[in-house]
Amino acid sequence: MPVDFEELLTAVEAVSSGGGYGEHEAFVCRQTGKIYWRFDDSDLNEFDEELPDDIEDEEKYILIPNRNTLDLGKPLVLRFARECLPND
């Protein structure tokens, strides 16, 4: 399933910009690569579209994680350096 990289990056950034975990959600359809959005913020509801009834089905859709879930950043770099470059 091809997914547009820029659209996926936008989705990760949007999901990560929410004030709390799960405030903004995005899902990728495994078959089509289409990204579906769900926002709790009423100001962003104009971007909401009708979600498929089975959007929670992990066999069909992948929930896009926010960047904190991925544990990216300085701790990851330091952990990598400790494990892979212990003498440097």
N, C-alpha and C. Protein backbone atom coordinates (compact mmCIF):
# COMPACT_ATOMS: atom_id res chain seq x y z
N MET A 1 0.83 -1.17 0.00
CA MET A 1 0.00 0.00 0.00
C MET A 1 0.88 1.24 0.00
N PRO A 2 0.83 2.04 -1.02
CA PRO A 2 1.63 3.28 -1.04
C PRO A 2 0.97 4.36 -0.18
N VAL A 3 1.82 5.07 0.57
CA VAL A 3 1.35 6.18 1.40
C VAL A 3 2.20 7.39 1.05
N ASP A 4 1.57 8.52 0.84
CA ASP A 4 2.29 9.75 0.53
C ASP A 4 3.08 10.18 1.77
N PHE A 5 4.41 10.29 1.62
CA PHE A 5 5.27 10.61 2.76
C PHE A 5 4.90 11.94 3.40
N GLU A 6 4.66 12.97 2.61
CA GLU A 6 4.34 14.29 3.16
C GLU A 6 3.04 14.24 3.95
N GLU A 7 2.06 13.50 3.46
CA GLU A 7 0.79 13.38 4.17
C GLU A 7 0.98 12.61 5.48
N LEU A 8 1.82 11.58 5.45
CA LEU A 8 2.11 10.81 6.66
C LEU A 8 2.84 11.67 7.68
N LEU A 9 3.81 12.45 7.23
CA LEU A 9 4.55 13.35 8.11
C LEU A 9 3.61 14.38 8.74
N THR A 10 2.71 14.92 7.94
CA THR A 10 1.72 15.87 8.45
C THR A 10 0.85 15.22 9.51
N ALA A 11 0.47 13.97 9.28
CA ALA A 11 -0.36 13.25 10.23
C ALA A 11 0.38 13.04 11.55
N VAL A 12 1.65 12.64 11.50
CA VAL A 12 2.44 12.45 12.73
C VAL A 12 2.54 13.77 13.48
N GLU A 13 2.80 14.86 12.77
CA GLU A 13 2.91 16.17 13.42
C GLU A 13 1.58 16.60 14.03
N ALA A 14 0.49 16.36 13.33
CA ALA A 14 -0.83 16.74 13.84
C ALA A 14 -1.19 15.92 15.07
N VAL A 15 -0.92 14.63 15.03
CA VAL A 15 -1.21 13.75 16.17
C VAL A 15 -0.36 14.17 17.37
N SER A 16 0.87 14.56 17.11
CA SER A 16 1.79 14.95 18.18
C SER A 16 1.49 16.33 18.75
N SER A 17 0.74 17.14 18.02
CA SER A 17 0.48 18.51 18.46
C SER A 17 -0.67 18.62 19.45
N GLY A 18 -1.38 17.55 19.67
CA GLY A 18 -2.50 17.59 20.60
C GLY A 18 -2.05 17.83 22.02
N GLY A 19 -2.90 18.44 22.82
CA GLY A 19 -2.54 18.72 24.20
C GLY A 19 -2.43 17.48 25.06
N GLY A 20 -3.17 16.46 24.74
CA GLY A 20 -3.12 15.22 25.51
C GLY A 20 -3.10 14.03 24.58
N TYR A 21 -2.70 12.89 25.13
CA TYR A 21 -2.63 11.69 24.30
C TYR A 21 -4.03 11.33 23.81
N GLY A 22 -4.15 11.11 22.52
CA GLY A 22 -5.43 10.73 21.93
C GLY A 22 -6.33 11.88 21.57
N GLU A 23 -5.87 13.11 21.80
CA GLU A 23 -6.69 14.27 21.46
C GLU A 23 -6.87 14.38 19.95
N HIS A 24 -5.80 14.13 19.22
CA HIS A 24 -5.85 14.07 17.76
C HIS A 24 -5.41 12.67 17.37
N GLU A 25 -6.13 12.06 16.45
CA GLU A 25 -5.77 10.72 15.98
C GLU A 25 -5.82 10.67 14.47
N ALA A 26 -4.98 9.83 13.92
CA ALA A 26 -4.97 9.59 12.49
C ALA A 26 -4.75 8.10 12.27
N PHE A 27 -5.37 7.59 11.23
CA PHE A 27 -5.30 6.17 10.92
C PHE A 27 -4.95 6.01 9.44
N VAL A 28 -4.15 5.00 9.12
CA VAL A 28 -3.82 4.69 7.73
C VAL A 28 -4.53 3.40 7.37
N CYS A 29 -5.23 3.42 6.25
CA CYS A 29 -5.87 2.22 5.74
C CYS A 29 -4.79 1.32 5.14
N ARG A 30 -4.72 0.08 5.60
CA ARG A 30 -3.70 -0.85 5.12
C ARG A 30 -3.87 -1.19 3.64
N GLN A 31 -5.09 -1.14 3.13
CA GLN A 31 -5.33 -1.51 1.74
C GLN A 31 -5.11 -0.37 0.77
N THR A 32 -5.54 0.83 1.14
CA THR A 32 -5.52 1.94 0.20
C THR A 32 -4.43 2.98 0.48
N GLY A 33 -3.94 3.04 1.73
CA GLY A 33 -2.98 4.06 2.10
C GLY A 33 -3.62 5.39 2.46
N LYS A 34 -4.94 5.46 2.42
CA LYS A 34 -5.66 6.69 2.75
C LYS A 34 -5.55 6.96 4.25
N ILE A 35 -5.36 8.23 4.60
CA ILE A 35 -5.26 8.62 6.00
C ILE A 35 -6.58 9.24 6.44
N TYR A 36 -7.09 8.75 7.55
CA TYR A 36 -8.32 9.27 8.16
C TYR A 36 -7.96 10.00 9.43
N TRP A 37 -8.66 11.10 9.70
CA TRP A 37 -8.36 11.97 10.85
C TRP A 37 -9.52 11.98 11.82
N ARG A 38 -9.17 12.13 13.12
CA ARG A 38 -10.19 12.34 14.17
C ARG A 38 -9.61 13.35 15.14
N PHE A 39 -10.34 14.46 15.35
CA PHE A 39 -9.90 15.54 16.23
C PHE A 39 -10.92 15.73 17.34
N ASP A 40 -10.44 15.92 18.57
CA ASP A 40 -11.33 16.26 19.68
C ASP A 40 -11.58 17.75 19.75
N ASP A 41 -10.71 18.54 19.13
CA ASP A 41 -10.78 20.00 19.15
C ASP A 41 -11.88 20.46 18.19
N SER A 42 -12.87 21.17 18.71
CA SER A 42 -13.98 21.60 17.87
C SER A 42 -13.55 22.56 16.76
N ASP A 43 -12.42 23.27 16.96
CA ASP A 43 -11.94 24.19 15.92
C ASP A 43 -11.43 23.42 14.69
N LEU A 44 -11.06 22.17 14.88
CA LEU A 44 -10.52 21.37 13.78
C LEU A 44 -11.55 20.44 13.17
N ASN A 45 -12.77 20.47 13.66
CA ASN A 45 -13.80 19.56 13.15
C ASN A 45 -14.07 19.74 11.66
N GLU A 46 -13.73 20.90 11.12
CA GLU A 46 -13.93 21.11 9.69
C GLU A 46 -13.07 20.16 8.86
N PHE A 47 -11.97 19.65 9.47
CA PHE A 47 -11.10 18.72 8.77
C PHE A 47 -11.54 17.27 8.95
N ASP A 48 -12.43 17.04 9.92
CA ASP A 48 -12.93 15.69 10.15
C ASP A 48 -13.76 15.24 8.96
N GLU A 49 -13.69 13.98 8.68
CA GLU A 49 -14.54 13.39 7.67
C GLU A 49 -15.19 12.17 8.29
N GLU A 50 -16.14 11.64 7.61
CA GLU A 50 -16.81 10.44 8.09
C GLU A 50 -15.80 9.30 8.19
N LEU A 51 -15.65 8.77 9.40
CA LEU A 51 -14.73 7.67 9.60
C LEU A 51 -15.43 6.35 9.30
N PRO A 52 -14.70 5.38 8.78
CA PRO A 52 -15.30 4.06 8.59
C PRO A 52 -15.75 3.49 9.94
N ASP A 53 -16.80 2.71 9.93
CA ASP A 53 -17.32 2.14 11.17
C ASP A 53 -16.31 1.21 11.84
N ASP A 54 -15.42 0.62 11.04
CA ASP A 54 -14.46 -0.34 11.59
C ASP A 54 -13.06 0.26 11.77
N ILE A 55 -12.97 1.57 12.00
CA ILE A 55 -11.68 2.27 12.08
C ILE A 55 -10.80 1.72 13.20
N GLU A 56 -11.38 1.11 14.21
CA GLU A 56 -10.61 0.55 15.33
C GLU A 56 -10.06 -0.85 15.01
N ASP A 57 -10.39 -1.39 13.85
CA ASP A 57 -9.94 -2.73 13.46
C ASP A 57 -8.47 -2.68 13.04
N GLU A 58 -7.59 -3.22 13.87
CA GLU A 58 -6.15 -3.15 13.61
C GLU A 58 -5.72 -3.99 12.41
N GLU A 59 -6.58 -4.87 11.96
CA GLU A 59 -6.29 -5.65 10.76
C GLU A 59 -6.41 -4.77 9.50
N LYS A 60 -7.25 -3.73 9.59
CA LYS A 60 -7.52 -2.88 8.43
C LYS A 60 -6.86 -1.51 8.50
N TYR A 61 -6.65 -0.99 9.72
CA TYR A 61 -6.15 0.37 9.89
C TYR A 61 -5.00 0.39 10.90
N ILE A 62 -4.04 1.27 10.64
CA ILE A 62 -2.91 1.45 11.55
C ILE A 62 -3.08 2.81 12.22
N LEU A 63 -3.08 2.83 13.54
CA LEU A 63 -3.13 4.09 14.28
C LEU A 63 -1.75 4.73 14.20
N ILE A 64 -1.69 5.97 13.72
CA ILE A 64 -0.42 6.67 13.61
C ILE A 64 -0.01 7.14 15.01
N PRO A 65 1.17 6.72 15.47
CA PRO A 65 1.59 7.10 16.82
C PRO A 65 2.06 8.55 16.88
N ASN A 66 1.97 9.14 18.07
CA ASN A 66 2.56 10.48 18.21
C ASN A 66 4.04 10.32 18.50
N ARG A 67 4.81 11.38 18.33
CA ARG A 67 6.27 11.26 18.43
C ARG A 67 6.73 10.86 19.82
N ASN A 68 5.96 11.16 20.86
CA ASN A 68 6.34 10.74 22.21
C ASN A 68 6.22 9.23 22.38
N THR A 69 5.26 8.64 21.72
CA THR A 69 5.10 7.19 21.76
C THR A 69 6.29 6.49 21.14
N LEU A 70 6.87 7.11 20.14
CA LEU A 70 8.01 6.52 19.44
C LEU A 70 9.30 6.66 20.24
N ASP A 71 9.28 7.47 21.31
CA ASP A 71 10.45 7.67 22.17
C ASP A 71 11.65 8.17 21.38
N LEU A 72 11.41 9.15 20.51
CA LEU A 72 12.49 9.74 19.72
C LEU A 72 13.09 10.91 20.48
N GLY A 73 14.29 11.27 20.17
CA GLY A 73 14.91 12.43 20.78
C GLY A 73 16.21 12.08 21.47
N LYS A 74 16.64 12.96 22.34
CA LYS A 74 17.94 12.85 22.99
C LYS A 74 18.12 11.53 23.75
N PRO A 75 17.12 11.06 24.52
CA PRO A 75 17.31 9.78 25.22
C PRO A 75 17.61 8.62 24.27
N LEU A 76 16.98 8.61 23.10
CA LEU A 76 17.25 7.56 22.12
C LEU A 76 18.68 7.64 21.63
N VAL A 77 19.16 8.83 21.35
CA VAL A 77 20.53 9.02 20.86
C VAL A 77 21.53 8.57 21.93
N LEU A 78 21.30 8.97 23.16
CA LEU A 78 22.22 8.59 24.24
C LEU A 78 22.21 7.08 24.49
N ARG A 79 21.05 6.48 24.42
CA ARG A 79 20.95 5.03 24.59
C ARG A 79 21.71 4.31 23.47
N PHE A 80 21.54 4.79 22.24
CA PHE A 80 22.26 4.22 21.10
C PHE A 80 23.77 4.34 21.31
N ALA A 81 24.23 5.51 21.73
CA ALA A 81 25.65 5.72 21.94
C ALA A 81 26.20 4.81 23.04
N ARG A 82 25.46 4.65 24.13
CA ARG A 82 25.91 3.75 25.20
C ARG A 82 26.02 2.31 24.73
N GLU A 83 25.03 1.88 23.94
CA GLU A 83 25.01 0.48 23.50
C GLU A 83 25.98 0.20 22.36
N CYS A 84 26.10 1.12 21.42
CA CYS A 84 26.89 0.86 20.20
C CYS A 84 28.29 1.46 20.22
N LEU A 85 28.50 2.45 21.07
CA LEU A 85 29.81 3.13 21.12
C LEU A 85 30.26 3.25 22.59
N PRO A 86 30.32 2.16 23.31
CA PRO A 86 30.60 2.26 24.75
C PRO A 86 31.98 2.84 25.08
N ASN A 87 32.93 2.74 24.18
CA ASN A 87 34.29 3.22 24.46
C ASN A 87 34.57 4.59 23.88
N ASP A 88 33.61 5.21 23.23
CA ASP A 88 33.82 6.50 22.57
C ASP A 88 33.22 7.65 23.33
